[in-house]
Amino acid sequence: MDNKQKKERKELICAVTAVVVLYMAMESIGITCPIKFITGISCAGCGMSRAWLAFLQLDMAKAFAYHPLFWLVPITVIVLLCKSKINIKIYKIIIFTIIIMFAIVYICRLIWSGDDVVVFEPQNNILFRIIRVINSK
């Protein structure tokens, strides 16, 4: 592995670590999804943390209910870490396939979701909440 590949791998590990730390910090103050908090609309990854917690408790049905693609996260990380060892065309196909899978599942969950994991509530975004607080005074 040359220096460029080592640097890219180190940057990826740092980025993943930073996202995890940031997410944990936001979760500790009650913001479980920054996109949902800002827009009122769930993101494509909403339910992922709860899915992994259910998986770690060996509750596969609940894990898939929270997010049916939770199992793709470690695969994606492995593919990203092994980018230099994978043929570039195959790498692009894998990444494109993962993105398409997330997009399809996200759209389906927005349309047919009957639970509170994935919501489309733009009226509950941060701006409208601030305006409601101001108007209630």
Protein backbone atom coordinates (compact mmCIF):
# COMPACT_ATOMS: atom_id res chain seq x y z
CA MET A 1 0.00 0.00 0.00
CA ASP A 2 1.49 3.33 -1.04
CA ASN A 3 1.36 6.59 0.92
CA LYS A 4 -1.61 7.93 -1.07
CA GLN A 5 -3.70 4.86 -0.26
CA LYS A 6 -2.68 5.01 3.41
CA LYS A 7 -3.64 8.66 3.52
CA GLU A 8 -7.03 7.98 1.87
CA ARG A 9 -7.75 5.12 4.28
CA LYS A 10 -6.76 7.28 7.26
CA GLU A 11 -9.01 10.10 6.01
CA LEU A 12 -11.93 7.69 5.60
CA ILE A 13 -11.47 6.28 9.09
CA CYS A 14 -11.25 9.82 10.52
CA ALA A 15 -14.38 10.88 8.63
CA VAL A 16 -16.37 7.86 9.85
CA THR A 17 -15.14 8.46 13.40
CA ALA A 18 -16.06 12.15 13.21
CA VAL A 19 -19.58 11.32 11.98
CA VAL A 20 -20.07 8.79 14.80
CA VAL A 21 -18.83 11.24 17.46
CA LEU A 22 -20.95 14.08 16.05
CA TYR A 23 -24.01 11.83 15.91
CA MET A 24 -23.48 10.71 19.51
CA ALA A 25 -23.14 14.33 20.63
CA MET A 26 -26.33 15.34 18.84
CA GLU A 27 -28.17 12.30 20.19
CA SER A 28 -27.15 13.29 23.73
CA ILE A 29 -29.01 16.61 23.34
CA GLY A 30 -32.07 15.03 21.73
CA ILE A 31 -31.34 15.49 18.03
CA THR A 32 -31.55 11.98 16.62
CA CYS A 33 -31.43 13.01 12.96
CA PRO A 34 -30.07 16.42 11.95
CA ILE A 35 -31.84 16.31 8.59
CA LYS A 36 -35.18 15.51 10.19
CA PHE A 37 -34.52 18.15 12.87
CA ILE A 38 -33.83 20.85 10.27
CA THR A 39 -36.33 19.89 7.55
CA GLY A 40 -39.02 17.83 9.31
CA ILE A 41 -38.41 15.08 6.75
CA SER A 42 -36.66 11.84 7.62
CA CYS A 43 -33.39 11.07 5.89
CA ALA A 44 -32.53 7.89 3.98
CA GLY A 45 -30.76 6.54 7.06
CA CYS A 46 -33.50 7.19 9.61
CA GLY A 47 -34.02 4.14 11.77
CA MET A 48 -30.49 2.86 11.20
CA SER A 49 -29.33 3.27 14.83
CA ARG A 50 -32.45 1.59 16.18
CA ALA A 51 -32.04 -1.18 13.59
CA TRP A 52 -28.51 -1.88 14.80
CA LEU A 53 -29.59 -1.84 18.44
CA ALA A 54 -32.33 -4.35 17.60
CA PHE A 55 -29.83 -6.46 15.65
CA LEU A 56 -27.43 -6.48 18.62
CA GLN A 57 -30.34 -7.75 20.73
CA LEU A 58 -30.85 -10.48 18.08
CA ASP A 59 -34.27 -9.11 17.09
CA MET A 60 -33.98 -9.39 13.31
CA ALA A 61 -37.64 -8.59 12.60
CA LYS A 62 -37.43 -5.32 14.51
CA ALA A 63 -34.05 -4.51 12.92
CA PHE A 64 -35.47 -4.88 9.42
CA ALA A 65 -38.56 -2.91 10.41
CA TYR A 66 -36.46 0.01 11.61
CA HIS A 67 -34.30 0.00 8.47
CA PRO A 68 -34.26 -2.83 5.93
CA LEU A 69 -30.76 -1.92 4.69
CA PHE A 70 -28.98 -1.79 8.06
CA TRP A 71 -26.85 -4.76 6.99
CA LEU A 72 -25.38 -2.74 4.09
CA VAL A 73 -23.45 -0.34 6.33
CA PRO A 74 -20.55 -2.68 7.20
CA ILE A 75 -20.41 -3.87 3.58
CA THR A 76 -20.19 -0.27 2.39
CA VAL A 77 -17.42 0.52 4.88
CA ILE A 78 -15.46 -2.56 3.79
CA VAL A 79 -15.87 -1.63 0.11
CA LEU A 80 -14.71 1.93 0.83
CA LEU A 81 -11.72 0.70 2.82
CA CYS A 82 -10.77 -1.78 0.09
CA LYS A 83 -11.27 0.64 -2.80
CA SER A 84 -7.66 0.35 -3.93
CA LYS A 85 -7.94 -3.44 -4.19
CA ILE A 86 -11.16 -3.47 -6.21
CA ASN A 87 -11.37 -2.93 -9.96
CA ILE A 88 -12.60 0.65 -10.42
CA LYS A 89 -15.54 -0.40 -12.63
CA ILE A 90 -16.67 -2.99 -10.08
CA TYR A 91 -16.18 -0.45 -7.28
CA LYS A 92 -18.37 2.09 -9.07
CA ILE A 93 -21.04 -0.53 -9.78
CA ILE A 94 -21.10 -1.56 -6.11
CA ILE A 95 -21.33 2.03 -4.84
CA PHE A 96 -23.96 2.96 -7.45
CA THR A 97 -26.00 -0.13 -6.54
CA ILE A 98 -25.87 0.75 -2.83
CA ILE A 99 -26.96 4.33 -3.55
CA ILE A 100 -29.84 3.13 -5.75
CA MET A 101 -30.93 0.62 -3.10
CA PHE A 102 -31.01 3.35 -0.44
CA ALA A 103 -32.90 5.71 -2.77
CA ILE A 104 -35.54 3.09 -3.63
CA VAL A 105 -36.02 2.02 -0.02
CA TYR A 106 -36.15 5.68 1.09
CA ILE A 107 -38.83 6.61 -1.43
CA CYS A 108 -40.88 3.49 -0.63
CA ARG A 109 -40.63 4.18 3.10
CA LEU A 110 -41.72 7.81 2.62
CA ILE A 111 -44.71 6.75 0.53
CA TRP A 112 -45.87 3.65 2.40
CA SER A 113 -44.57 4.12 5.91
CA GLY A 114 -47.22 3.73 8.56
CA ASP A 115 -44.92 4.26 11.52
CA ASP A 116 -42.97 7.06 13.14
CA VAL A 117 -39.54 5.95 11.88
CA VAL A 118 -39.81 7.68 8.50
CA VAL A 119 -41.93 10.81 8.39
CA PHE A 120 -42.69 13.62 5.98
CA GLU A 121 -43.60 16.52 8.26
CA PRO A 122 -42.08 19.73 6.90
CA GLN A 123 -44.41 21.65 9.23
CA ASN A 124 -42.27 20.35 12.12
CA ASN A 125 -38.93 21.68 10.89
CA ILE A 126 -36.80 23.90 13.11
CA LEU A 127 -37.95 27.17 11.49
CA PHE A 128 -41.65 26.45 12.05
CA ARG A 129 -40.95 25.31 15.62
CA ILE A 130 -39.14 28.57 16.35
CA ILE A 131 -42.00 30.58 14.83
CA ARG A 132 -44.56 28.66 16.95
CA VAL A 133 -42.55 29.37 20.11
CA ILE A 134 -42.31 33.09 19.24
CA ASN A 135 -46.03 33.30 18.44
CA SER A 136 -47.00 31.55 21.67
CA LYS A 137 -45.40 34.27 23.80
